[in-house]
Amino acid sequence: MRGKKKEWITFIMGTWVVFGVAFCGITFVYKVYEIVNTVPRGEMMGFAVIQVVTYLLVAMGFFFLFLWSFLRGDFSDLEASKYRILEMEERISEMERRGV
């Protein structure tokens, strides 16, 4: 019974995240569409265009970093990194005790 509840909570949270990201993406695309339509008509000051272009470049950079990390397999085993950190901490403590 407990496993089913956990599955439902995971499903609900995952659905919430997917819909939230989809909603944010749709509103972002709409805002970019508005900017593209207003710039040629001269209805917008030039400084706003620079801010939006900078935002787009930064967002694309983070997206490509995420994609690169995903394709490298960094998200395949999320538990391994914490054990590596603990092992490195033990090695450092051992080196400090030896005086190295």
Protein backbone atom coordinates (compact mmCIF):
# COMPACT_ATOMS: atom_id res chain seq x y z
CA MET A 1 0.00 0.00 0.00
CA ARG A 2 2.83 2.37 0.88
CA GLY A 3 4.51 1.83 -2.51
CA LYS A 4 1.33 2.77 -4.38
CA LYS A 5 1.07 6.01 -2.41
CA LYS A 6 4.66 6.89 -3.24
CA GLU A 7 4.03 6.17 -6.91
CA TRP A 8 0.98 8.44 -6.91
CA ILE A 9 2.85 11.25 -5.18
CA THR A 10 5.68 10.91 -7.70
CA PHE A 11 3.19 10.94 -10.57
CA ILE A 12 1.37 14.01 -9.24
CA MET A 13 4.60 15.93 -8.61
CA GLY A 14 5.99 14.96 -12.02
CA THR A 15 2.79 16.06 -13.72
CA TRP A 16 2.86 19.34 -11.79
CA VAL A 17 6.44 20.00 -12.91
CA VAL A 18 5.72 19.11 -16.55
CA PHE A 19 2.69 21.39 -16.69
CA GLY A 20 4.58 24.16 -14.91
CA VAL A 21 7.49 23.99 -17.33
CA ALA A 22 5.11 23.78 -20.30
CA PHE A 23 3.17 26.83 -19.09
CA CYS A 24 6.37 28.81 -18.55
CA GLY A 25 7.63 27.77 -21.98
CA ILE A 26 4.40 28.81 -23.68
CA THR A 27 4.39 32.21 -21.99
CA PHE A 28 8.07 32.69 -22.86
CA VAL A 29 7.45 31.87 -26.53
CA TYR A 30 4.48 34.26 -26.54
CA LYS A 31 6.61 37.06 -25.09
CA VAL A 32 9.34 36.48 -27.69
CA TYR A 33 6.65 36.52 -30.40
CA GLU A 34 5.37 39.87 -29.09
CA ILE A 35 8.87 41.34 -29.12
CA VAL A 36 9.56 40.11 -32.64
CA ASN A 37 6.34 41.73 -33.84
CA THR A 38 6.81 45.07 -32.05
CA VAL A 39 10.48 45.75 -32.84
CA PRO A 40 10.08 46.32 -36.60
CA ARG A 41 7.20 48.74 -36.00
CA GLY A 42 9.35 50.87 -33.68
CA GLU A 43 7.04 50.42 -30.72
CA MET A 44 9.81 49.29 -28.41
CA MET A 45 12.92 50.98 -27.18
CA GLY A 46 16.20 49.40 -28.24
CA PHE A 47 17.39 48.65 -24.70
CA ALA A 48 14.59 46.12 -24.13
CA VAL A 49 15.65 44.13 -27.19
CA ILE A 50 19.20 43.84 -25.88
CA GLN A 51 17.95 42.54 -22.53
CA VAL A 52 15.75 39.92 -24.15
CA VAL A 53 18.53 38.78 -26.49
CA THR A 54 20.91 38.50 -23.53
CA TYR A 55 18.31 36.48 -21.62
CA LEU A 56 17.84 34.17 -24.60
CA LEU A 57 21.57 33.59 -24.95
CA VAL A 58 21.97 32.79 -21.25
CA ALA A 59 18.93 30.48 -21.29
CA MET A 60 20.23 28.66 -24.36
CA GLY A 61 23.62 28.28 -22.69
CA PHE A 62 22.08 26.65 -19.62
CA PHE A 63 19.91 24.44 -21.81
CA PHE A 64 22.92 23.22 -23.81
CA LEU A 65 24.88 22.58 -20.58
CA PHE A 66 21.96 20.52 -19.27
CA LEU A 67 21.68 18.64 -22.58
CA TRP A 68 25.43 17.96 -22.67
CA SER A 69 25.37 16.69 -19.09
CA PHE A 70 22.33 14.50 -19.80
CA LEU A 71 23.89 12.98 -22.92
CA ARG A 72 27.12 12.28 -21.01
CA GLY A 73 25.09 10.18 -18.57
CA ASP A 74 25.55 12.37 -15.50
CA PHE A 75 21.93 11.76 -14.49
CA SER A 76 22.01 8.00 -14.86
CA ASP A 77 23.31 7.32 -11.32
CA LEU A 78 22.54 10.17 -8.94
CA GLU A 79 23.64 8.25 -5.85
CA ALA A 80 27.22 7.60 -6.98
CA SER A 81 28.38 11.21 -6.58
CA LYS A 82 27.62 11.38 -2.86
CA TYR A 83 29.62 8.19 -2.25
CA ARG A 84 32.54 9.60 -4.27
CA ILE A 85 32.47 12.76 -2.14
CA LEU A 86 32.48 10.72 1.06
CA GLU A 87 35.41 8.64 -0.19
CA MET A 88 37.37 11.78 -1.13
CA GLU A 89 36.66 13.23 2.32
CA GLU A 90 37.99 10.08 3.97
CA ARG A 91 41.16 10.22 1.83
CA ILE A 92 41.70 13.88 2.70
CA SER A 93 41.22 13.17 6.41
CA GLU A 94 43.71 10.29 6.19
CA MET A 95 46.24 12.52 4.41
CA GLU A 96 45.82 15.21 7.08
CA ARG A 97 46.40 12.65 9.85
CA ARG A 98 49.62 11.51 8.15
CA GLY A 99 50.76 15.09 7.73
CA VAL A 100 51.07 14.92 3.96
